[in-house]
Amino acid sequence: MFKSFLKDESGAQVVEYALIIAVVSIALVIALQVLTTGTSFSSFISRVATCLSGSTCV
């Protein structure tokens, strides 16, 4: 019974996808922290919205 449990790979893909999502999430958090150094997150979002609206980017 224990050998068949070790050979069963039915949940392996779910674990792999979860690890990929975790790594991407960590990378996004680190990137946002680097981009928003010295400012608040809402200020960063406001700057992005200003640039996307066609106004002068600061």
N, C-alpha and C. Protein backbone atom coordinates (compact mmCIF):
# COMPACT_ATOMS: atom_id res chain seq x y z
N MET A 1 0.82 -1.19 0.00
CA MET A 1 0.00 0.00 0.00
C MET A 1 0.87 1.26 0.00
N PHE A 2 1.95 1.26 0.77
CA PHE A 2 2.83 2.43 0.86
C PHE A 2 3.54 2.68 -0.46
N LYS A 3 3.94 1.62 -1.17
CA LYS A 3 4.61 1.77 -2.46
C LYS A 3 3.68 2.38 -3.50
N SER A 4 2.43 1.96 -3.50
CA SER A 4 1.48 2.53 -4.46
C SER A 4 1.21 4.00 -4.15
N PHE A 5 1.24 4.37 -2.87
CA PHE A 5 1.06 5.77 -2.49
C PHE A 5 2.22 6.62 -3.00
N LEU A 6 3.44 6.11 -2.93
CA LEU A 6 4.61 6.86 -3.38
C LEU A 6 4.64 7.00 -4.91
N LYS A 7 4.09 6.04 -5.63
CA LYS A 7 4.08 6.09 -7.09
C LYS A 7 2.93 6.93 -7.64
N ASP A 8 1.95 7.24 -6.82
CA ASP A 8 0.80 8.02 -7.28
C ASP A 8 1.21 9.47 -7.48
N GLU A 9 1.02 9.98 -8.71
CA GLU A 9 1.41 11.35 -9.05
C GLU A 9 0.21 12.20 -9.45
N SER A 10 -0.95 11.87 -8.98
CA SER A 10 -2.15 12.57 -9.42
C SER A 10 -2.22 14.02 -8.96
N GLY A 11 -1.60 14.39 -7.85
CA GLY A 11 -1.64 15.76 -7.38
C GLY A 11 -0.39 16.56 -7.65
N ALA A 12 0.54 15.99 -8.40
CA ALA A 12 1.82 16.65 -8.63
C ALA A 12 1.67 17.94 -9.43
N GLN A 13 0.80 17.97 -10.41
CA GLN A 13 0.64 19.16 -11.24
C GLN A 13 0.07 20.32 -10.43
N VAL A 14 -0.82 20.04 -9.51
CA VAL A 14 -1.41 21.09 -8.69
C VAL A 14 -0.33 21.73 -7.83
N VAL A 15 0.54 20.94 -7.27
CA VAL A 15 1.63 21.46 -6.44
C VAL A 15 2.58 22.29 -7.29
N GLU A 16 2.89 21.83 -8.48
CA GLU A 16 3.79 22.58 -9.36
C GLU A 16 3.19 23.94 -9.74
N TYR A 17 1.91 23.97 -10.07
CA TYR A 17 1.26 25.23 -10.40
C TYR A 17 1.23 26.17 -9.20
N ALA A 18 0.99 25.62 -8.03
CA ALA A 18 0.98 26.44 -6.81
C ALA A 18 2.35 27.05 -6.56
N LEU A 19 3.41 26.30 -6.79
CA LEU A 19 4.76 26.83 -6.61
C LEU A 19 5.06 27.93 -7.62
N ILE A 20 4.63 27.74 -8.86
CA ILE A 20 4.85 28.77 -9.89
C ILE A 20 4.11 30.05 -9.51
N ILE A 21 2.87 29.91 -9.06
CA ILE A 21 2.09 31.09 -8.66
C ILE A 21 2.75 31.78 -7.47
N ALA A 22 3.27 31.02 -6.53
CA ALA A 22 3.92 31.61 -5.37
C ALA A 22 5.17 32.39 -5.78
N VAL A 23 5.97 31.85 -6.68
CA VAL A 23 7.20 32.53 -7.12
C VAL A 23 6.85 33.81 -7.88
N VAL A 24 5.86 33.75 -8.75
CA VAL A 24 5.45 34.94 -9.50
C VAL A 24 4.90 36.00 -8.55
N SER A 25 4.13 35.59 -7.56
CA SER A 25 3.58 36.54 -6.59
C SER A 25 4.68 37.23 -5.80
N ILE A 26 5.66 36.47 -5.36
CA ILE A 26 6.78 37.05 -4.61
C ILE A 26 7.55 38.03 -5.49
N ALA A 27 7.76 37.68 -6.75
CA ALA A 27 8.47 38.57 -7.66
C ALA A 27 7.70 39.87 -7.87
N LEU A 28 6.38 39.79 -7.99
CA LEU A 28 5.57 40.99 -8.17
C LEU A 28 5.61 41.89 -6.93
N VAL A 29 5.57 41.30 -5.75
CA VAL A 29 5.64 42.08 -4.52
C VAL A 29 6.98 42.80 -4.42
N ILE A 30 8.05 42.10 -4.74
CA ILE A 30 9.38 42.71 -4.69
C ILE A 30 9.49 43.83 -5.73
N ALA A 31 8.97 43.60 -6.92
CA ALA A 31 9.02 44.62 -7.97
C ALA A 31 8.22 45.86 -7.57
N LEU A 32 7.06 45.67 -6.97
CA LEU A 32 6.27 46.82 -6.54
C LEU A 32 6.95 47.59 -5.42
N GLN A 33 7.63 46.88 -4.53
CA GLN A 33 8.35 47.57 -3.46
C GLN A 33 9.48 48.41 -4.02
N VAL A 34 10.17 47.90 -5.03
CA VAL A 34 11.26 48.64 -5.65
C VAL A 34 10.73 49.87 -6.38
N LEU A 35 9.60 49.72 -7.07
CA LEU A 35 9.03 50.83 -7.83
C LEU A 35 8.44 51.92 -6.94
N THR A 36 8.01 51.56 -5.76
CA THR A 36 7.34 52.53 -4.89
C THR A 36 8.23 53.01 -3.75
N THR A 37 9.52 52.88 -3.89
CA THR A 37 10.44 53.29 -2.83
C THR A 37 10.27 54.78 -2.56
N GLY A 38 10.00 55.11 -1.32
CA GLY A 38 9.88 56.50 -0.92
C GLY A 38 8.50 57.09 -1.10
N THR A 39 7.60 56.37 -1.71
CA THR A 39 6.23 56.87 -1.90
C THR A 39 5.24 55.81 -1.46
N SER A 40 4.03 56.22 -1.27
CA SER A 40 3.00 55.25 -0.92
C SER A 40 2.50 54.56 -2.19
N PHE A 41 1.86 53.44 -2.00
CA PHE A 41 1.36 52.67 -3.14
C PHE A 41 0.28 53.46 -3.89
N SER A 42 -0.57 54.16 -3.16
CA SER A 42 -1.62 54.93 -3.83
C SER A 42 -1.02 56.05 -4.68
N SER A 43 0.08 56.63 -4.22
CA SER A 43 0.75 57.65 -5.01
C SER A 43 1.31 57.05 -6.30
N PHE A 44 1.84 55.86 -6.20
CA PHE A 44 2.36 55.16 -7.37
C PHE A 44 1.24 54.90 -8.38
N ILE A 45 0.10 54.43 -7.89
CA ILE A 45 -1.04 54.16 -8.77
C ILE A 45 -1.51 55.44 -9.43
N SER A 46 -1.51 56.54 -8.69
CA SER A 46 -1.91 57.83 -9.26
C SER A 46 -0.96 58.26 -10.38
N ARG A 47 0.34 58.04 -10.18
CA ARG A 47 1.30 58.38 -11.23
C ARG A 47 1.07 57.55 -12.48
N VAL A 48 0.80 56.25 -12.29
CA VAL A 48 0.54 55.38 -13.44
C VAL A 48 -0.72 55.83 -14.17
N ALA A 49 -1.77 56.15 -13.43
CA ALA A 49 -3.02 56.61 -14.04
C ALA A 49 -2.80 57.91 -14.81
N THR A 50 -1.97 58.81 -14.28
CA THR A 50 -1.68 60.07 -14.96
C THR A 50 -0.97 59.81 -16.27
N CYS A 51 -0.01 58.91 -16.25
CA CYS A 51 0.74 58.59 -17.48
C CYS A 51 -0.16 57.93 -18.51
N LEU A 52 -1.05 57.05 -18.07
CA LEU A 52 -1.93 56.34 -19.00
C LEU A 52 -2.99 57.25 -19.59
N SER A 53 -3.34 58.32 -18.88
CA SER A 53 -4.38 59.21 -19.39
C SER A 53 -3.86 60.16 -20.46
N GLY A 54 -2.56 60.16 -20.70
CA GLY A 54 -2.00 61.00 -21.75
C GLY A 54 -1.38 62.29 -21.23
N SER A 55 -1.49 62.52 -19.93
CA SER A 55 -0.89 63.71 -19.33
C SER A 55 0.62 63.52 -19.22
N THR A 56 1.29 64.57 -18.78
CA THR A 56 2.73 64.51 -18.61
C THR A 56 3.09 63.60 -17.45
N CYS A 57 3.99 62.66 -17.69
CA CYS A 57 4.43 61.74 -16.65
C CYS A 57 5.48 62.41 -15.77
N VAL A 58 5.39 62.14 -14.49
CA VAL A 58 6.37 62.70 -13.54
C VAL A 58 7.21 61.62 -12.95
